[in-house]
């Protein structure tokens, strides 16, 4: 009998200890499992994938450093480069020595001077277009220094033979726009509306090619002008242009 009473008393003590163990003790601090707020460290500094441009803009300029071999005609070499690549070339500067130069002097209209001997290039500028171009829009202008310190310059109308390696710095472009200046008032208003249409899609649409509005304003029909190298998806408004475009539409040869 005493043994049973002792065992039952021991069971009551165990239950009391278990209940007391569930209650928080004085001075104890509960540690919760709550997740911290915000992003984990370093999540904002993850490297982003690089952005690749798959094709060039038709209006982008490309820079070139051209080396013309000695004995070659500098003007003809640059013009041939423009024709083969079907891109316009804007000559920015040049350096080197040339010989057998034929120039048109600006002081005397129609005066052509043939220079023999070796000359150093002081300045070389000009432009070349691969296709048909308005008169006077292509060619080179050069200023040369002679052996005695004399300086002569003018428009190159003949050969410009390189007496050694000639370095030419140039930029090339794919499309060019031919503009007639000064603009008439009607053309100015139409051009401002057409420019907004091309840039951001706002404003009135330019007149269609061959429309009566262009014929009444005295402008030539753009359909009769050469339009080269302008892909169909780059012609705004489904083939409507508000100016004369000079570009080059032959297939681009391999570089």
Protein backbone atom coordinates (compact mmCIF):
# COMPACT_ATOMS: atom_id res chain seq x y z
CA UNK A 1 0.00 0.00 0.00
CA UNK A 2 2.75 2.44 0.84
CA UNK A 3 4.56 1.56 -2.35
CA UNK A 4 1.53 2.40 -4.48
CA UNK A 5 1.05 5.68 -2.68
CA UNK A 6 4.71 6.56 -3.22
CA UNK A 7 4.50 5.80 -6.90
CA UNK A 8 1.37 7.89 -7.34
CA UNK A 9 2.96 10.74 -5.42
CA UNK A 10 6.02 10.55 -7.66
CA UNK A 11 3.81 10.79 -10.76
CA UNK A 12 2.21 13.99 -9.45
CA UNK A 13 5.62 15.56 -8.93
CA UNK A 14 6.63 14.78 -12.51
CA UNK A 15 3.48 16.42 -13.89
CA UNK A 16 4.08 19.50 -11.73
CA UNK A 17 7.69 19.79 -12.96
CA UNK A 18 6.51 19.45 -16.58
CA UNK A 19 3.97 22.24 -16.14
CA UNK A 20 6.53 24.47 -14.47
CA UNK A 21 9.00 23.76 -17.27
CA UNK A 22 6.54 25.06 -19.87
CA UNK A 23 6.25 28.43 -18.13
CA UNK A 24 8.96 31.00 -19.02
CA UNK A 25 11.43 31.53 -16.25
CA UNK A 26 12.05 34.96 -14.84
CA UNK A 27 14.80 36.82 -16.72
CA UNK A 28 14.74 34.49 -19.77
CA UNK A 29 14.50 35.93 -23.31
CA UNK A 30 12.68 34.09 -26.06
CA UNK A 31 14.50 33.93 -29.41
CA UNK A 32 12.07 33.87 -32.34
CA UNK A 33 12.66 32.35 -35.80
CA UNK A 34 11.29 35.41 -37.70
CA UNK A 35 13.07 36.14 -41.04
CA UNK A 36 14.87 39.50 -41.21
CA UNK A 37 13.28 42.24 -43.30
CA UNK A 38 14.67 43.42 -46.64
CA UNK A 39 16.72 41.72 -49.32
CA UNK A 40 19.67 39.53 -48.43
CA UNK A 41 23.10 41.21 -48.59
CA UNK A 42 24.57 41.47 -52.09
CA UNK A 43 21.31 40.88 -53.93
CA UNK A 44 21.40 44.37 -55.52
CA UNK A 45 24.98 44.02 -56.76
CA UNK A 46 24.46 41.07 -59.05
CA UNK A 47 26.17 41.53 -62.44
CA UNK A 48 23.79 42.42 -65.25
CA UNK A 49 24.06 40.72 -68.64
CA UNK A 50 25.78 42.84 -71.31
CA UNK A 51 23.69 44.58 -73.97
CA UNK A 52 24.69 43.86 -77.56
CA UNK A 53 23.69 45.99 -80.56
CA UNK A 54 23.00 43.60 -83.40
CA UNK A 55 23.08 46.16 -86.23
CA UNK A 56 24.37 49.65 -86.88
CA UNK A 57 22.19 52.66 -87.42
CA UNK A 58 22.10 53.77 -91.07
CA UNK A 59 23.02 57.29 -89.93
CA UNK A 60 26.01 56.25 -87.82
CA UNK A 61 29.48 57.57 -88.63
CA UNK A 62 32.50 55.29 -88.76
CA UNK A 63 36.03 56.50 -88.22
CA UNK A 64 38.85 55.32 -90.47
CA UNK A 65 42.61 55.74 -90.57
CA UNK A 66 43.63 55.20 -94.20
CA UNK A 67 47.19 54.68 -95.35
CA UNK A 68 47.79 55.50 -99.02
CA UNK A 69 50.86 53.77 -100.41
CA UNK A 70 53.60 55.78 -102.07
CA UNK A 71 53.10 56.31 -105.78
CA UNK A 72 49.29 56.08 -105.58
CA UNK A 73 46.89 58.92 -106.31
CA UNK A 74 45.43 60.02 -102.97
CA UNK A 75 42.21 61.45 -104.42
CA UNK A 76 41.55 58.45 -106.66
CA UNK A 77 42.30 56.01 -103.82
CA UNK A 78 39.75 57.63 -101.50
CA UNK A 79 37.16 57.85 -104.30
CA UNK A 80 37.66 54.16 -105.11
CA UNK A 81 37.23 53.30 -101.42
CA UNK A 82 33.89 55.15 -101.40
CA UNK A 83 32.67 53.32 -104.52
CA UNK A 84 33.67 49.86 -103.35
CA UNK A 85 32.28 50.23 -99.84
CA UNK A 86 29.21 52.13 -101.07
CA UNK A 87 29.63 54.72 -98.32
CA UNK A 88 30.23 58.44 -98.35
CA UNK A 89 33.66 59.54 -97.15
CA UNK A 90 34.36 62.78 -95.28
CA UNK A 91 38.11 63.50 -95.21
CA UNK A 92 39.03 65.26 -91.96
CA UNK A 93 42.81 65.57 -92.17
CA UNK A 94 45.90 64.12 -93.76
CA UNK A 95 49.65 64.00 -93.31
CA UNK A 96 52.56 62.98 -95.46
CA UNK A 97 54.34 64.07 -98.64
CA UNK A 98 52.91 64.34 -102.15
CA UNK A 99 54.29 65.20 -105.58
CA UNK A 100 52.99 66.19 -109.02
CA UNK A 101 50.02 68.17 -107.74
CA UNK A 102 47.44 69.87 -109.97
CA UNK A 103 45.42 72.56 -108.20
CA UNK A 104 42.79 75.15 -109.01
CA UNK A 105 43.74 78.40 -107.32
CA UNK A 106 40.91 80.13 -105.41
CA UNK A 107 42.26 83.62 -106.18
CA UNK A 108 42.07 83.18 -109.95
CA UNK A 109 38.87 81.43 -111.10
CA UNK A 110 39.61 78.82 -113.72
CA UNK A 111 43.38 79.00 -113.18
CA UNK A 112 44.94 75.55 -112.93
CA UNK A 113 48.48 75.20 -111.60
CA UNK A 114 50.61 72.07 -111.99
CA UNK A 115 53.22 71.74 -109.25
CA UNK A 116 56.23 69.45 -109.59
CA UNK A 117 58.42 68.36 -106.74
CA UNK A 118 57.89 67.20 -103.18
CA UNK A 119 55.41 68.96 -100.86
CA UNK A 120 54.32 68.31 -97.30
CA UNK A 121 50.59 68.20 -96.55
CA UNK A 122 49.50 70.92 -94.13
CA UNK A 123 45.74 70.46 -94.49
CA UNK A 124 43.61 67.95 -96.37
CA UNK A 125 39.81 68.05 -96.40
CA UNK A 126 37.07 66.95 -98.72
CA UNK A 127 34.25 64.52 -99.36
CA UNK A 128 33.43 61.71 -101.77
CA UNK A 129 30.07 60.10 -102.58
CA UNK A 130 29.80 56.67 -104.20
CA UNK A 131 26.81 57.49 -106.39
CA UNK A 132 25.58 60.45 -108.42
CA UNK A 133 26.13 63.70 -106.56
CA UNK A 134 25.51 67.40 -107.19
CA UNK A 135 28.41 69.24 -108.85
CA UNK A 136 30.98 70.54 -106.41
CA UNK A 137 29.98 68.24 -103.57
CA UNK A 138 32.92 65.86 -104.02
CA UNK A 139 36.65 66.42 -104.20
CA UNK A 140 39.65 67.42 -102.10
CA UNK A 141 41.08 70.71 -100.91
CA UNK A 142 44.73 70.69 -99.91
CA UNK A 143 47.30 73.12 -98.53
CA UNK A 144 50.95 72.24 -99.09
CA UNK A 145 54.33 73.48 -97.88
CA UNK A 146 57.27 73.52 -100.27
CA UNK A 147 60.94 73.01 -99.56
CA UNK A 148 61.61 76.77 -99.39
CA UNK A 149 58.78 77.40 -96.92
CA UNK A 150 56.24 78.56 -99.49
CA UNK A 151 52.61 77.58 -98.89
CA UNK A 152 50.26 76.83 -101.76
CA UNK A 153 46.74 75.47 -101.73
CA UNK A 154 43.58 74.97 -103.72
CA UNK A 155 41.13 72.40 -104.99
CA UNK A 156 42.62 69.22 -106.37
CA UNK A 157 41.62 68.91 -110.03
CA UNK A 158 44.21 66.39 -111.19
CA UNK A 159 46.57 63.94 -109.64
CA UNK A 160 47.73 64.06 -106.02
CA UNK A 161 50.47 61.44 -106.05
CA UNK A 162 51.77 60.26 -102.68
CA UNK A 163 55.55 60.63 -102.43
CA UNK A 164 55.50 58.25 -99.46
CA UNK A 165 52.97 56.77 -97.07
CA UNK A 166 50.14 59.30 -96.65
CA UNK A 167 47.85 58.97 -93.64
CA UNK A 168 44.24 60.10 -94.11
CA UNK A 169 41.79 60.46 -91.22
CA UNK A 170 38.21 60.11 -92.47
CA UNK A 171 34.66 59.34 -91.39
CA UNK A 172 32.20 57.38 -93.51
CA UNK A 173 28.40 57.48 -93.61
CA UNK A 174 25.70 55.46 -95.35
CA UNK A 175 22.98 58.02 -96.04
CA UNK A 176 23.03 61.68 -97.01
CA UNK A 177 20.20 64.17 -97.45
CA UNK A 178 20.33 66.82 -100.16
CA UNK A 179 18.84 70.12 -99.00
CA UNK A 180 18.31 73.32 -101.01
CA UNK A 181 18.95 76.50 -99.03
CA UNK A 182 17.59 78.96 -98.14
CA UNK A 183 14.30 77.28 -97.36
CA UNK A 184 11.08 78.84 -98.57
CA UNK A 185 8.42 79.65 -95.98
CA UNK A 186 6.17 76.83 -97.18
CA UNK A 187 9.10 74.42 -97.17
CA UNK A 188 10.11 75.55 -93.69
CA UNK A 189 6.65 74.85 -92.29
CA UNK A 190 6.40 71.54 -94.09
CA UNK A 191 9.90 70.60 -93.01
CA UNK A 192 9.19 71.30 -89.35
CA UNK A 193 6.13 69.05 -89.46
CA UNK A 194 7.98 66.34 -91.33
CA UNK A 195 10.91 66.48 -88.92
CA UNK A 196 8.62 65.88 -85.97
CA UNK A 197 7.10 62.93 -87.76
CA UNK A 198 10.49 61.38 -88.40
CA UNK A 199 11.86 62.00 -84.92
CA UNK A 200 9.03 61.13 -82.56
CA UNK A 201 5.99 60.27 -84.64
CA UNK A 202 4.24 63.57 -83.79
CA UNK A 203 3.06 66.24 -86.18
CA UNK A 204 1.46 66.08 -89.58
CA UNK A 205 2.61 63.54 -92.14
CA UNK A 206 4.75 64.82 -95.03
CA UNK A 207 3.23 64.74 -98.51
CA UNK A 208 3.45 61.49 -100.38
CA UNK A 209 5.92 60.98 -103.20
CA UNK A 210 4.45 62.36 -106.40
CA UNK A 211 1.59 64.14 -104.66
CA UNK A 212 -0.06 67.23 -106.11
CA UNK A 213 1.06 69.35 -103.13
CA UNK A 214 4.70 68.93 -104.12
CA UNK A 215 3.95 69.63 -107.77
CA UNK A 216 2.10 72.86 -106.90
CA UNK A 217 4.95 74.05 -104.65
CA UNK A 218 7.39 73.78 -107.54
CA UNK A 219 9.50 71.04 -105.95
CA UNK A 220 10.77 68.24 -108.17
CA UNK A 221 9.19 64.84 -107.95
CA UNK A 222 11.36 62.84 -105.50
CA UNK A 223 10.49 59.64 -107.37
CA UNK A 224 12.70 60.84 -110.22
CA UNK A 225 15.68 61.34 -107.88
CA UNK A 226 18.12 58.55 -107.05
CA UNK A 227 17.46 56.94 -103.67
CA UNK A 228 20.11 54.38 -102.83
CA UNK A 229 20.91 52.14 -99.89
CA UNK A 230 17.76 53.02 -97.93
CA UNK A 231 16.15 49.78 -96.68
CA UNK A 232 12.34 49.65 -97.02
CA UNK A 233 11.87 49.33 -93.26
CA UNK A 234 13.74 52.63 -92.73
CA UNK A 235 11.61 54.70 -95.12
CA UNK A 236 9.10 56.59 -92.92
CA UNK A 237 5.34 56.46 -93.45
CA UNK A 238 5.45 53.60 -95.93
CA UNK A 239 7.57 55.36 -98.53
CA UNK A 240 6.73 59.04 -97.94
CA UNK A 241 9.67 61.43 -97.89
CA UNK A 242 9.68 65.19 -97.48
CA UNK A 243 13.14 65.82 -98.90
CA UNK A 244 15.49 64.57 -101.57
CA UNK A 245 17.52 61.64 -100.30
CA UNK A 246 20.98 60.88 -101.56
CA UNK A 247 22.02 57.43 -100.39
CA UNK A 248 23.32 54.36 -102.08
CA UNK A 249 21.31 51.20 -102.64
CA UNK A 250 23.74 48.73 -104.05
CA UNK A 251 24.43 45.56 -102.14
CA UNK A 252 27.01 46.11 -99.46
CA UNK A 253 30.24 44.38 -100.53
CA UNK A 254 32.19 42.28 -98.03
CA UNK A 255 34.85 44.10 -96.06
